[in-house]
């Protein structure tokens, strides 16, 4: 009876011995292998499964040690009947429960409060998402980047008798002193924040931190201002604490200081690479927000995430470190790509606030286990966090650059917001393209992207996809988008303006300057030299310039250009239409590619 229940997977990460043991336990618990049943001999089981007899013997012996099997002299192995007597197995009542399922549903419906949750939250990405060819998902990590060897080293260290004696006796509401010291002396000073251990509280995740702050600061008639769309889980948690959410408008520089902000008692801000819109709040807007908070008497909750993954220049200072930061409560979650299992978050605030939050945390009886706290303290103290952050940042920067290049090359007309830090960008789709339908079609092609509730956009993450796969994935995404664009879009044949011939191009382009904004929101300037060379300049969100050189020439009525590095250094040909100072680029198929302003200096 037991043999059909055991099907081994040679490709699984678990050993064959562990698989046999688990399958037998599943059969016993489910009742498929009844109490008192005699198990096949180790020799017979090994022959049927195609494994070494010793593998089965060891699995059987462990099942005996765990109490699932019993041995009888000269008879073999039997299922322990005491398991059923202990209430671990129940074969009765299943038919009755099925027959009365409608009544049960009505019964429990009358006793449960209504629960509202985003339908999108109930539709998780595929369990095997990492095996898809193009996993452009956010808030996930790439196992290839995980510093596993470093974590194993720290795990060995914390199990020494001396270490155990330090972290094991921690009280029910204490935080590990070593970890607090590492945060105070190594992590926060790099962000310009200097506090004492008594001003820090550890939580088991960003969600718990937001729940505690919502319970302490909000509820009743108090309102929370936050930019929408926001992270769905964070918004939902604050709503459940009784807060009234006030949607804050924002532009490319960050949240706008308007009536919505002034009417809010507390503001939840994410200045660096806002999730999901990828807006980075400028330094001047940060100063203005702090001034406005001082006038309003508002509290700011600052979620400072992924600032360590910076690919251009240095990250802007957090609000907490700036003049006027006394009213700021600072949140930081260790990156999932470094710490996927713990997701520890810490709160920085005044001591009276931290004391009250600690009391609230105690009522929940939920805190980060002491062993995990000490493990993370060791990881930071040993320098592994710094080394892993540096190494991972280099890898992510390659992907960040590759994604930017691919979007510029294959989707030059679309609006993309890509911050200089973080692990995802924001792609605004054309009106003719439905984001949800596009997501479904993309998944069928092996391409995973995420939609953003309430907007016709995609969030494209790059932390889980290798750099060499990004171009092919974006090319496929561009094909799907272009196939759905309305046929009424302007083409070379229907374009308004004057189509430039080769003679026009020779007369007007030498010495001209092209001005525009690319799909990444970066302003650019291209100088077309009379000798056929080009000089290009672009400026990103942190005012860092990028330059490149190239050459341009004519092939019939086609204007041709080729950069050294930009656009993969590939040759591209365009027909050009001029409409006053504005020019439009059309490819050889007559499709509109981009627009720019043509000036002469």
Protein backbone atom coordinates (compact mmCIF):
# COMPACT_ATOMS: atom_id res chain seq x y z
CA UNK A 1 0.00 0.00 0.00
CA UNK A 2 2.92 2.32 0.65
CA UNK A 3 4.79 1.89 -2.60
CA UNK A 4 2.54 4.00 -4.89
CA UNK A 5 2.74 6.89 -2.41
CA UNK A 6 6.47 7.24 -2.86
CA UNK A 7 7.63 8.89 -6.07
CA UNK A 8 11.14 10.29 -5.85
CA UNK A 9 12.41 13.34 -7.70
CA UNK A 10 16.12 12.95 -8.54
CA UNK A 11 16.30 16.67 -9.46
CA UNK A 12 14.98 17.85 -6.09
CA UNK A 13 17.31 19.62 -3.70
CA UNK A 14 16.32 17.23 -0.87
CA UNK A 15 18.17 13.96 -0.52
CA UNK A 16 16.50 10.68 -1.51
CA UNK A 17 16.51 9.62 2.13
CA UNK A 18 14.66 12.79 3.16
CA UNK A 19 12.13 12.34 0.33
CA UNK A 20 11.35 8.75 1.41
CA UNK A 21 10.88 9.82 5.01
CA UNK A 22 8.56 12.72 4.07
CA UNK A 23 6.43 10.58 1.74
CA UNK A 24 5.94 7.92 4.40
CA UNK A 25 4.97 10.54 7.00
CA UNK A 26 2.47 12.09 4.57
CA UNK A 27 0.90 8.69 3.99
CA UNK A 28 0.63 8.00 7.72
CA UNK A 29 -0.81 11.43 8.57
CA UNK A 30 -3.34 11.33 5.73
CA UNK A 31 -4.42 7.78 6.59
CA UNK A 32 -3.32 6.32 3.26
CA UNK A 33 -1.00 4.06 5.25
CA UNK A 34 -3.25 2.82 8.06
CA UNK A 35 -2.17 2.28 11.69
CA UNK A 36 -0.55 -1.12 12.25
CA UNK A 37 0.25 -1.51 8.54
CA UNK A 38 3.39 -3.54 7.81
CA UNK A 39 5.84 -1.60 5.69
CA UNK A 40 7.71 -3.26 2.80
CA UNK A 41 11.13 -4.61 3.68
CA UNK A 42 14.05 -2.29 3.10
CA UNK A 43 15.33 -4.53 0.31
CA UNK A 44 11.97 -4.60 -1.49
CA UNK A 45 11.44 -0.85 -1.09
CA UNK A 46 14.93 -0.12 -2.42
CA UNK A 47 14.35 -2.31 -5.50
CA UNK A 48 11.03 -0.63 -6.29
CA UNK A 49 12.40 2.88 -5.86
CA UNK A 50 15.69 2.19 -7.59
CA UNK A 51 17.83 3.39 -4.71
CA UNK A 52 20.48 1.86 -2.48
CA UNK A 53 19.14 -0.33 0.30
CA UNK A 54 21.11 1.67 2.86
CA UNK A 55 19.13 4.80 1.86
CA UNK A 56 15.86 3.08 2.79
CA UNK A 57 17.34 1.60 5.99
CA UNK A 58 18.43 5.05 7.19
CA UNK A 59 15.02 6.56 6.33
CA UNK A 60 13.21 3.76 8.20
CA UNK A 61 15.48 4.16 11.21
CA UNK A 62 14.79 7.88 11.41
CA UNK A 63 11.03 7.19 11.23
CA UNK A 64 11.45 4.76 14.12
CA UNK A 65 13.38 7.39 16.11
CA UNK A 66 10.60 9.91 15.45
CA UNK A 67 7.91 7.47 16.58
CA UNK A 68 6.13 6.97 13.26
CA UNK A 69 7.26 3.35 12.83
CA UNK A 70 7.83 0.47 15.24
CA UNK A 71 10.11 -2.54 14.77
CA UNK A 72 9.07 -6.07 15.67
CA UNK A 73 11.73 -8.72 16.07
CA UNK A 74 12.07 -10.92 12.96
CA UNK A 75 8.95 -9.31 11.53
CA UNK A 76 9.84 -5.88 10.12
CA UNK A 77 8.56 -2.30 10.38
CA UNK A 78 4.98 -1.35 11.30
CA UNK A 79 3.08 1.94 11.49
CA UNK A 80 2.77 3.08 15.11
CA UNK A 81 -0.90 2.78 16.16
CA UNK A 82 -0.34 5.26 18.99
CA UNK A 83 -0.25 8.07 16.45
CA UNK A 84 -3.97 7.72 15.79
CA UNK A 85 -4.68 7.55 19.52
CA UNK A 86 -2.84 10.84 20.00
CA UNK A 87 -5.27 12.50 17.61
CA UNK A 88 -2.88 13.05 14.72
CA UNK A 89 -5.04 11.03 12.33
CA UNK A 90 -8.76 11.40 11.83
CA UNK A 91 -10.69 9.38 9.26
CA UNK A 92 -14.18 10.21 10.53
CA UNK A 93 -16.38 13.12 9.72
CA UNK A 94 -14.95 13.86 6.27
CA UNK A 95 -18.14 12.83 4.47
CA UNK A 96 -20.31 14.74 6.88
CA UNK A 97 -18.19 17.85 6.54
CA UNK A 98 -18.41 17.70 2.78
CA UNK A 99 -22.15 17.21 2.85
CA UNK A 100 -22.64 20.16 5.14
CA UNK A 101 -20.19 22.51 3.43
CA UNK A 102 -22.94 24.99 2.42
CA UNK A 103 -24.23 25.15 5.97
CA UNK A 104 -20.72 25.58 7.29
CA UNK A 105 -20.13 28.43 4.87
CA UNK A 106 -23.28 30.22 6.01
CA UNK A 107 -22.42 29.59 9.65
CA UNK A 108 -18.95 31.07 9.43
CA UNK A 109 -20.05 33.91 7.18
CA UNK A 110 -22.44 35.06 9.89
CA UNK A 111 -19.67 35.02 12.50
CA UNK A 112 -16.86 36.67 10.50
CA UNK A 113 -16.44 40.35 9.83
CA UNK A 114 -16.08 41.43 6.23
CA UNK A 115 -12.46 41.66 5.12
CA UNK A 116 -11.46 43.88 2.23
CA UNK A 117 -8.26 43.10 0.39
CA UNK A 118 -6.94 44.01 -3.02
CA UNK A 119 -7.90 41.35 -5.54
CA UNK A 120 -4.45 41.81 -7.02
CA UNK A 121 -2.94 40.69 -3.72
CA UNK A 122 -4.80 37.38 -4.06
CA UNK A 123 -3.22 36.71 -7.44
CA UNK A 124 0.41 35.90 -6.60
CA UNK A 125 3.02 35.48 -9.27
CA UNK A 126 3.70 31.88 -10.35
CA UNK A 127 5.47 29.78 -7.72
CA UNK A 128 8.21 28.98 -10.24
CA UNK A 129 8.62 32.61 -11.34
CA UNK A 130 12.41 32.41 -11.26
CA UNK A 131 12.34 29.65 -13.91
CA UNK A 132 10.58 31.92 -16.44
CA UNK A 133 12.86 33.15 -19.24
CA UNK A 134 12.31 36.84 -18.40
CA UNK A 135 11.33 37.43 -14.72
CA UNK A 136 10.98 41.25 -14.59
CA UNK A 137 9.53 41.08 -11.08
CA UNK A 138 10.20 43.48 -8.21
CA UNK A 139 10.61 42.95 -4.48
CA UNK A 140 12.26 39.58 -5.08
CA UNK A 141 15.87 38.47 -4.93
CA UNK A 142 18.20 36.55 -7.19
CA UNK A 143 19.56 33.44 -5.41
CA UNK A 144 22.70 33.80 -7.50
CA UNK A 145 23.52 37.01 -5.62
CA UNK A 146 22.72 35.69 -2.15
CA UNK A 147 25.78 35.74 0.19
CA UNK A 148 25.17 32.20 1.45
CA UNK A 149 28.77 31.40 2.48
CA UNK A 150 28.93 34.51 4.66
CA UNK A 151 25.65 33.68 6.39
CA UNK A 152 26.86 30.11 7.07
CA UNK A 153 30.03 31.45 8.67
CA UNK A 154 28.04 33.73 10.99
CA UNK A 155 25.62 30.91 11.82
CA UNK A 156 28.50 28.75 13.07
CA UNK A 157 29.77 31.60 15.23
CA UNK A 158 26.51 32.32 17.04
CA UNK A 159 26.13 28.70 18.15
CA UNK A 160 29.24 28.75 20.31
CA UNK A 161 28.54 28.36 24.01
CA UNK A 162 29.62 31.92 24.74
CA UNK A 163 27.36 33.43 22.07
CA UNK A 164 24.35 31.31 23.06
CA UNK A 165 24.75 32.47 26.66
CA UNK A 166 24.44 36.06 25.43
CA UNK A 167 21.45 35.93 23.08
CA UNK A 168 19.39 33.08 24.54
CA UNK A 169 18.46 34.83 27.85
CA UNK A 170 17.05 37.93 26.09
CA UNK A 171 13.72 38.92 27.64
CA UNK A 172 10.41 38.84 25.82
CA UNK A 173 10.63 42.49 24.81
CA UNK A 174 14.38 43.11 24.54
CA UNK A 175 16.40 43.80 21.41
CA UNK A 176 19.90 42.47 20.86
CA UNK A 177 22.37 45.04 22.14
CA UNK A 178 25.06 44.08 19.63
CA UNK A 179 22.71 44.63 16.69
CA UNK A 180 21.55 47.99 18.06
CA UNK A 181 25.18 49.08 18.42
CA UNK A 182 25.97 48.04 14.85
CA UNK A 183 22.99 50.04 13.60
CA UNK A 184 24.01 53.10 15.66
CA UNK A 185 27.71 53.04 14.82
CA UNK A 186 27.90 51.62 11.28
CA UNK A 187 24.63 51.85 9.37
CA UNK A 188 22.95 55.10 10.42
CA UNK A 189 26.02 57.40 10.45
CA UNK A 190 26.47 56.72 6.73
CA UNK A 191 23.07 58.32 6.24
CA UNK A 192 23.90 61.25 8.50
CA UNK A 193 21.78 59.97 11.41
CA UNK A 194 23.31 59.83 14.90
CA UNK A 195 21.20 58.27 17.65
CA UNK A 196 21.49 56.10 20.76
CA UNK A 197 20.35 52.46 21.07
CA UNK A 198 17.35 53.64 23.10
CA UNK A 199 16.03 55.45 20.03
CA UNK A 200 15.78 52.27 17.93
CA UNK A 201 13.14 49.53 17.87
CA UNK A 202 13.49 46.31 15.88
CA UNK A 203 10.45 44.83 14.14
CA UNK A 204 9.88 41.64 12.15
CA UNK A 205 9.18 43.50 8.94
CA UNK A 206 8.04 46.77 7.40
CA UNK A 207 4.41 45.74 7.79
CA UNK A 208 4.74 45.32 11.56
CA UNK A 209 6.54 48.66 11.83
CA UNK A 210 3.73 50.41 9.93
CA UNK A 211 1.08 48.69 12.04
CA UNK A 212 2.73 49.79 15.30
CA UNK A 213 3.09 53.38 14.05
CA UNK A 214 -0.50 53.40 12.83
CA UNK A 215 -1.71 52.24 16.24
CA UNK A 216 0.36 54.89 18.00
CA UNK A 217 -0.04 57.92 15.76
CA UNK A 218 -3.25 57.42 13.79
CA UNK A 219 -6.79 56.15 14.22
CA UNK A 220 -9.91 58.09 15.08
CA UNK A 221 -10.17 61.22 12.99
CA UNK A 222 -6.45 61.52 12.20
CA UNK A 223 -5.42 61.40 8.57
CA UNK A 224 -2.33 60.03 6.87
CA UNK A 225 -1.06 61.65 3.71
CA UNK A 226 0.68 59.31 1.28
CA UNK A 227 1.37 59.27 -2.44
CA UNK A 228 -0.97 56.94 -4.32
CA UNK A 229 -0.57 54.49 -5.88
CA UNK A 230 1.51 53.08 -3.06
CA UNK A 231 2.65 49.67 -1.93
CA UNK A 232 -0.68 47.87 -1.51
CA UNK A 233 0.28 46.12 1.74
CA UNK A 234 1.45 49.34 3.41
CA UNK A 235 -1.67 51.26 2.43
CA UNK A 236 -3.93 48.44 3.63
CA UNK A 237 -2.17 48.18 7.01
CA UNK A 238 -2.59 51.89 7.70
CA UNK A 239 -6.26 51.71 6.73
CA UNK A 240 -6.80 48.86 9.19
CA UNK A 241 -5.39 50.96 12.03
CA UNK A 242 -8.26 53.38 11.48
CA UNK A 243 -6.33 56.04 9.59
CA UNK A 244 -8.04 58.16 6.97
CA UNK A 245 -5.82 58.08 3.87
CA UNK A 246 -5.30 61.39 2.08
CA UNK A 247 -3.89 60.92 -1.43
CA UNK A 248 -0.94 63.24 -2.05
CA UNK A 249 -0.23 64.39 -5.62
CA UNK A 250 3.34 64.39 -6.85
CA UNK A 251 5.36 65.45 -9.84
CA UNK A 252 8.81 64.44 -11.02
CA UNK A 253 10.40 66.23 -8.04
CA UNK A 254 8.36 64.46 -5.35
CA UNK A 255 5.17 65.08 -3.32
CA UNK A 256 3.53 68.43 -3.98
CA UNK A 257 3.04 70.80 -1.06
CA UNK A 258 -0.63 71.59 -1.45
CA UNK A 259 -3.95 71.39 0.31
CA UNK A 260 -3.88 67.59 0.62
CA UNK A 261 -0.56 67.74 2.46
CA UNK A 262 -1.65 70.56 4.74
CA UNK A 263 -4.83 68.70 5.72
CA UNK A 264 -2.94 65.59 6.88
CA UNK A 265 -1.80 65.01 10.47
CA UNK A 266 0.92 62.56 9.48
CA UNK A 267 2.80 62.00 6.23
CA UNK A 268 4.18 58.69 4.96
CA UNK A 269 6.98 59.51 2.52
CA UNK A 270 9.44 57.42 0.52
CA UNK A 271 11.91 59.96 -0.85
CA UNK A 272 14.21 57.47 -2.59
CA UNK A 273 12.75 55.55 -5.53
CA UNK A 274 9.12 55.66 -4.39
CA UNK A 275 7.35 52.31 -4.68
CA UNK A 276 5.86 51.87 -7.25
CA UNK A 277 6.32 55.13 -9.19
CA UNK A 278 10.15 55.29 -8.87
CA UNK A 279 10.07 59.05 -8.19
CA UNK A 280 13.07 60.34 -6.25
CA UNK A 281 12.30 63.48 -4.25
CA UNK A 282 14.76 66.26 -5.03
CA UNK A 283 16.88 67.89 -2.34
CA UNK A 284 15.01 71.20 -2.59
CA UNK A 285 11.61 69.47 -2.34
CA UNK A 286 12.86 67.58 0.75
CA UNK A 287 13.74 70.88 2.40
CA UNK A 288 10.34 72.29 1.49
CA UNK A 289 8.56 69.26 2.95
CA UNK A 290 10.41 69.65 6.24
CA UNK A 291 9.52 73.34 6.39
CA UNK A 292 5.88 72.55 5.68
CA UNK A 293 5.84 69.86 8.38
CA UNK A 294 7.20 72.35 10.92
CA UNK A 295 4.48 74.87 10.07
CA UNK A 296 1.71 72.26 10.09
CA UNK A 297 3.04 70.46 13.18
CA UNK A 298 2.87 67.16 11.26
CA UNK A 299 4.80 63.97 11.87
CA UNK A 300 6.69 62.46 8.94
CA UNK A 301 7.17 58.70 8.64
CA UNK A 302 10.09 58.23 6.27
CA UNK A 303 10.58 54.87 4.57
CA UNK A 304 14.18 54.91 3.37
CA UNK A 305 14.59 51.74 1.32
CA UNK A 306 17.24 50.48 -1.09
CA UNK A 307 19.35 53.61 -0.78
CA UNK A 308 22.51 51.48 -0.72
CA UNK A 309 21.93 50.30 -4.28
CA UNK A 310 22.92 53.58 -5.93
CA UNK A 311 24.14 53.49 -9.53
CA UNK A 312 24.89 57.17 -10.16
CA UNK A 313 26.60 59.54 -7.75
CA UNK A 314 25.60 59.38 -4.07
CA UNK A 315 22.11 58.90 -2.62
CA UNK A 316 20.39 62.05 -1.40
CA UNK A 317 20.29 62.52 2.39
CA UNK A 318 17.23 61.20 4.23
CA UNK A 319 14.81 63.66 5.76
CA UNK A 320 15.78 62.45 9.23
CA UNK A 321 19.35 63.70 8.76
CA UNK A 322 18.40 67.17 7.50
CA UNK A 323 17.66 70.37 9.35
CA UNK A 324 14.12 70.07 10.69
CA UNK A 325 14.31 66.27 10.94
CA UNK A 326 13.21 66.20 14.59
CA UNK A 327 9.62 65.46 13.51
CA UNK A 328 10.71 62.52 11.32
CA UNK A 329 10.33 58.86 12.31
CA UNK A 330 12.74 56.85 10.20
CA UNK A 331 12.12 53.33 8.87
CA UNK A 332 14.68 51.06 7.25
CA UNK A 333 14.25 47.48 6.04
CA UNK A 334 17.29 45.36 5.27
CA UNK A 335 17.23 44.58 1.53
CA UNK A 336 15.54 41.33 0.60
CA UNK A 337 18.34 40.52 -1.80
CA UNK A 338 20.73 40.31 1.18
CA UNK A 339 18.31 39.22 3.90
CA UNK A 340 15.44 37.30 2.22
CA UNK A 341 14.49 35.25 5.28
CA UNK A 342 14.48 37.81 8.09
CA UNK A 343 13.26 41.05 6.52
CA UNK A 344 14.19 42.86 9.72
CA UNK A 345 13.12 46.50 9.92
CA UNK A 346 14.12 49.08 12.49
CA UNK A 347 12.40 52.28 13.58
CA UNK A 348 14.36 55.37 14.63
CA UNK A 349 12.56 57.99 16.70
CA UNK A 350 12.58 59.93 19.96
CA UNK A 351 12.85 57.84 23.12
CA UNK A 352 9.25 58.51 24.27
CA UNK A 353 7.98 57.25 20.90
CA UNK A 354 10.20 54.16 20.96
CA UNK A 355 9.11 53.34 24.53
CA UNK A 356 5.45 53.42 23.52
CA UNK A 357 6.11 51.40 20.39
CA UNK A 358 7.96 48.82 22.48
CA UNK A 359 4.94 48.52 24.77
CA UNK A 360 2.67 48.03 21.75
CA UNK A 361 5.00 45.40 20.32
CA UNK A 362 4.89 43.53 23.61
CA UNK A 363 1.10 43.29 23.46
CA UNK A 364 1.43 41.59 20.07
CA UNK A 365 3.87 39.02 21.50
CA UNK A 366 5.71 39.20 18.22
CA UNK A 367 9.30 40.23 17.73
CA UNK A 368 12.32 39.19 15.75
CA UNK A 369 13.72 35.97 17.34
CA UNK A 370 16.89 36.66 19.37
CA UNK A 371 18.91 34.19 17.35
CA UNK A 372 18.11 36.08 14.14
CA UNK A 373 19.02 39.38 15.74
CA UNK A 374 22.42 38.07 16.84
CA UNK A 375 22.97 36.47 13.43
CA UNK A 376 22.38 39.79 11.68
CA UNK A 377 24.60 41.58 14.21
CA UNK A 378 27.42 39.15 13.38
CA UNK A 379 26.83 39.61 9.66
CA UNK A 380 27.16 43.40 9.97
CA UNK A 381 30.05 43.37 12.44
CA UNK A 382 32.08 40.96 10.30
CA UNK A 383 31.94 43.33 7.33
CA UNK A 384 29.88 40.87 5.29
CA UNK A 385 27.05 43.37 4.81
CA UNK A 386 29.40 45.96 3.32
CA UNK A 387 31.08 43.42 1.05
CA UNK A 388 27.78 41.92 -0.11
CA UNK A 389 26.26 45.36 -0.72
CA UNK A 390 29.24 46.42 -2.83
CA UNK A 391 29.25 43.20 -4.85
CA UNK A 392 25.49 43.17 -5.39
CA UNK A 393 25.43 46.86 -6.31
CA UNK A 394 27.94 46.17 -9.08
CA UNK A 395 25.74 43.38 -10.44
CA UNK A 396 22.57 45.45 -10.17
CA UNK A 397 24.21 48.40 -11.86
CA UNK A 398 24.95 46.22 -14.90
CA UNK A 399 21.28 45.26 -15.02
CA UNK A 400 20.18 48.86 -14.44
CA UNK A 401 22.29 50.04 -17.38
CA UNK A 402 21.17 47.14 -19.58
CA UNK A 403 17.51 47.83 -18.85
CA UNK A 404 17.90 51.52 -19.59
CA UNK A 405 19.66 50.84 -22.88
CA UNK A 406 17.03 48.30 -23.92
CA UNK A 407 14.13 50.62 -23.12
CA UNK A 408 15.75 53.47 -25.02
CA UNK A 409 16.38 51.27 -28.03
CA UNK A 410 13.13 49.30 -28.27
CA UNK A 411 10.56 51.60 -26.62
CA UNK A 412 11.87 55.13 -27.29
CA UNK A 413 8.43 56.80 -27.32
CA UNK A 414 7.14 55.57 -23.98
CA UNK A 415 7.50 57.38 -20.69
CA UNK A 416 9.79 55.50 -18.31
CA UNK A 417 10.79 56.59 -14.82
CA UNK A 418 14.04 55.05 -13.63
CA UNK A 419 15.58 56.27 -10.37
CA UNK A 420 19.31 56.18 -9.76
CA UNK A 421 18.72 53.72 -6.90
CA UNK A 422 16.25 50.92 -6.25
CA UNK A 423 15.55 47.77 -8.22
CA UNK A 424 12.58 48.62 -10.48
CA UNK A 425 11.36 51.22 -12.95
CA UNK A 426 7.92 52.57 -13.93
CA UNK A 427 6.66 52.27 -17.53
CA UNK A 428 3.67 54.31 -18.71
CA UNK A 429 1.76 52.43 -21.41
CA UNK A 430 -0.03 54.00 -24.40
CA UNK A 431 -3.77 54.57 -23.97
CA UNK A 432 -4.52 51.89 -26.55
CA UNK A 433 -2.77 49.20 -24.47
CA UNK A 434 -4.50 47.63 -21.46
CA UNK A 435 -1.95 46.82 -18.75
CA UNK A 436 -3.76 43.76 -17.35
CA UNK A 437 -4.25 42.18 -20.79
CA UNK A 438 -0.65 42.92 -21.69
CA UNK A 439 0.53 41.25 -18.48
CA UNK A 440 -1.44 38.10 -19.29
CA UNK A 441 -0.11 37.95 -22.84
CA UNK A 442 3.43 38.55 -21.63
CA UNK A 443 3.21 35.71 -19.10
CA UNK A 444 2.14 33.34 -21.87
CA UNK A 445 5.34 34.30 -23.69
CA UNK A 446 7.49 33.64 -20.61
CA UNK A 447 7.82 37.30 -19.62
CA UNK A 448 6.71 38.30 -16.11
CA UNK A 449 5.88 41.96 -15.48
CA UNK A 450 3.73 43.63 -12.82
CA UNK A 451 0.83 46.03 -13.22
CA UNK A 452 0.07 48.89 -10.83
CA UNK A 453 -3.46 49.16 -9.49
CA UNK A 454 -5.30 52.28 -10.57
CA UNK A 455 -2.95 53.17 -13.42
CA UNK A 456 -2.18 51.89 -16.89
CA UNK A 457 1.44 51.20 -16.10
CA UNK A 458 3.95 48.41 -15.63
CA UNK A 459 6.53 48.04 -12.88
CA UNK A 460 9.63 46.38 -14.29
CA UNK A 461 12.06 44.92 -11.78
CA UNK A 462 15.61 43.93 -12.60
CA UNK A 463 16.89 42.36 -9.37
CA UNK A 464 16.00 38.81 -10.46
CA UNK A 465 16.98 38.73 -14.13
CA UNK A 466 20.49 38.38 -15.51
CA UNK A 467 21.88 41.33 -17.45
CA UNK A 468 22.40 39.32 -20.65
CA UNK A 469 18.69 38.38 -20.77
CA UNK A 470 17.34 41.92 -20.40
CA UNK A 471 17.61 43.02 -24.04
CA UNK A 472 15.73 39.96 -25.33
CA UNK A 473 13.04 40.43 -22.69
CA UNK A 474 12.51 44.12 -23.49
CA UNK A 475 12.48 43.33 -27.22
CA UNK A 476 9.66 40.83 -26.61
CA UNK A 477 7.80 43.36 -24.45
CA UNK A 478 8.13 45.98 -27.21
CA UNK A 479 6.68 43.54 -29.75
CA UNK A 480 3.68 42.90 -27.52
CA UNK A 481 3.09 46.61 -26.92
CA UNK A 482 3.53 47.62 -30.57
CA UNK A 483 1.10 44.91 -31.69
CA UNK A 484 -1.64 46.55 -29.60
CA UNK A 485 -1.00 50.20 -30.45
CA UNK A 486 -3.89 51.79 -32.28
CA UNK A 487 -3.71 51.92 -36.05
CA UNK A 488 -4.57 55.64 -35.86
CA UNK A 489 -1.09 56.49 -34.61
CA UNK A 490 0.79 58.94 -36.78
CA UNK A 491 2.87 57.28 -39.50
CA UNK A 492 5.25 58.58 -42.15
CA UNK A 493 2.40 58.73 -44.67
CA UNK A 494 -0.02 60.57 -42.38
CA UNK A 495 2.50 62.79 -40.57
CA UNK A 496 1.87 66.52 -40.53
CA UNK A 497 4.81 68.70 -41.52
CA UNK A 498 7.49 68.74 -44.19
CA UNK A 499 9.24 65.51 -45.10
CA UNK A 500 12.96 66.27 -45.46
CA UNK A 501 14.76 65.03 -48.53
CA UNK A 502 18.49 64.34 -48.74
CA UNK A 503 19.08 67.91 -50.01
CA UNK A 504 17.07 69.32 -47.09
CA UNK A 505 19.03 67.24 -44.59
CA UNK A 506 22.37 68.36 -46.07
CA UNK A 507 21.27 71.97 -45.80
CA UNK A 508 19.69 71.96 -42.34
CA UNK A 509 21.46 69.33 -40.20
CA UNK A 510 25.19 70.22 -40.26
CA UNK A 511 25.91 72.38 -37.20
CA UNK A 512 22.42 71.86 -35.78
CA UNK A 513 21.56 70.88 -32.20
CA UNK A 514 18.86 68.37 -31.21
CA UNK A 515 17.16 68.85 -27.85
CA UNK A 516 14.73 66.46 -26.19
CA UNK A 517 13.87 64.06 -23.39
CA UNK A 518 14.42 60.35 -23.81
CA UNK A 519 12.16 57.55 -22.64
CA UNK A 520 13.97 57.44 -19.27
CA UNK A 521 13.05 61.07 -18.59
CA UNK A 522 16.64 62.21 -19.13
CA UNK A 523 17.15 65.47 -20.99
CA UNK A 524 19.58 65.20 -23.87
CA UNK A 525 21.47 67.44 -26.29
CA UNK A 526 23.03 66.20 -29.53
CA UNK A 527 25.37 68.35 -31.62
CA UNK A 528 25.59 67.42 -35.32
CA UNK A 529 28.99 68.49 -36.60
CA UNK A 530 29.50 69.45 -40.26
CA UNK A 531 32.21 66.77 -40.55
CA UNK A 532 29.66 64.01 -39.80
CA UNK A 533 30.51 63.46 -36.15
CA UNK A 534 28.09 63.74 -33.22
CA UNK A 535 28.49 64.81 -29.60
CA UNK A 536 25.80 63.67 -27.18
CA UNK A 537 25.02 64.78 -23.61
CA UNK A 538 22.33 63.51 -21.27
CA UNK A 539 21.50 64.31 -17.63
CA UNK A 540 19.77 61.90 -15.24
CA UNK A 541 17.68 62.31 -12.07
CA UNK A 542 20.66 63.20 -9.85
CA UNK A 543 22.14 65.69 -12.32
CA UNK A 544 24.96 63.39 -13.45
CA UNK A 545 26.03 63.92 -17.04
CA UNK A 546 26.64 61.13 -19.52
CA UNK A 547 28.39 61.74 -22.83
CA UNK A 548 28.97 59.80 -26.00
CA UNK A 549 30.28 60.37 -29.50
CA UNK A 550 29.20 59.01 -32.85
CA UNK A 551 28.79 59.78 -36.50
CA UNK A 552 25.92 60.58 -38.88
CA UNK A 553 25.50 60.35 -42.65
CA UNK A 554 22.87 60.04 -45.39
CA UNK A 555 21.72 57.04 -47.40
CA UNK A 556 19.33 58.41 -49.96
CA UNK A 557 16.62 60.28 -48.03
CA UNK A 558 17.41 58.31 -44.87
CA UNK A 559 19.32 60.02 -42.06
CA UNK A 560 21.64 57.47 -40.45
CA UNK A 561 23.40 57.63 -37.07
CA UNK A 562 25.59 55.36 -35.01
CA UNK A 563 26.84 55.98 -31.45
CA UNK A 564 29.90 54.43 -29.88
CA UNK A 565 28.00 53.24 -26.78
CA UNK A 566 24.44 54.53 -26.73
CA UNK A 567 21.76 52.40 -28.42
CA UNK A 568 24.16 49.45 -28.26
CA UNK A 569 26.41 51.22 -30.78
CA UNK A 570 24.15 49.98 -33.57
CA UNK A 571 23.42 51.70 -36.85
CA UNK A 572 19.91 53.18 -37.12
CA UNK A 573 18.19 54.82 -40.12
CA UNK A 574 15.31 57.32 -40.08
CA UNK A 575 13.09 59.36 -42.30
CA UNK A 576 12.73 62.89 -40.91
CA UNK A 577 9.66 65.13 -40.90
CA UNK A 578 9.95 68.77 -39.78
CA UNK A 579 7.06 70.70 -38.26
CA UNK A 580 8.35 74.19 -37.44
CA UNK A 581 11.18 73.60 -34.92
CA UNK A 582 9.97 70.08 -34.08
CA UNK A 583 11.27 67.08 -35.98
CA UNK A 584 9.89 63.54 -36.03
CA UNK A 585 11.87 60.37 -36.62
CA UNK A 586 10.27 57.49 -38.56
CA UNK A 587 11.91 54.13 -39.16
CA UNK A 588 12.16 52.44 -42.55
CA UNK A 589 8.70 50.89 -41.98
CA UNK A 590 7.17 54.35 -41.50
CA UNK A 591 6.60 53.97 -37.75
CA UNK A 592 7.05 57.01 -35.50
CA UNK A 593 10.09 56.44 -33.26
CA UNK A 594 10.86 59.71 -31.51
CA UNK A 595 10.60 63.50 -31.64
CA UNK A 596 13.06 66.30 -30.86
CA UNK A 597 13.58 70.04 -31.16
CA UNK A 598 15.98 71.22 -33.90
CA UNK A 599 17.85 74.47 -33.26
CA UNK A 600 20.85 76.23 -34.74
CA UNK A 601 23.36 78.00 -32.54
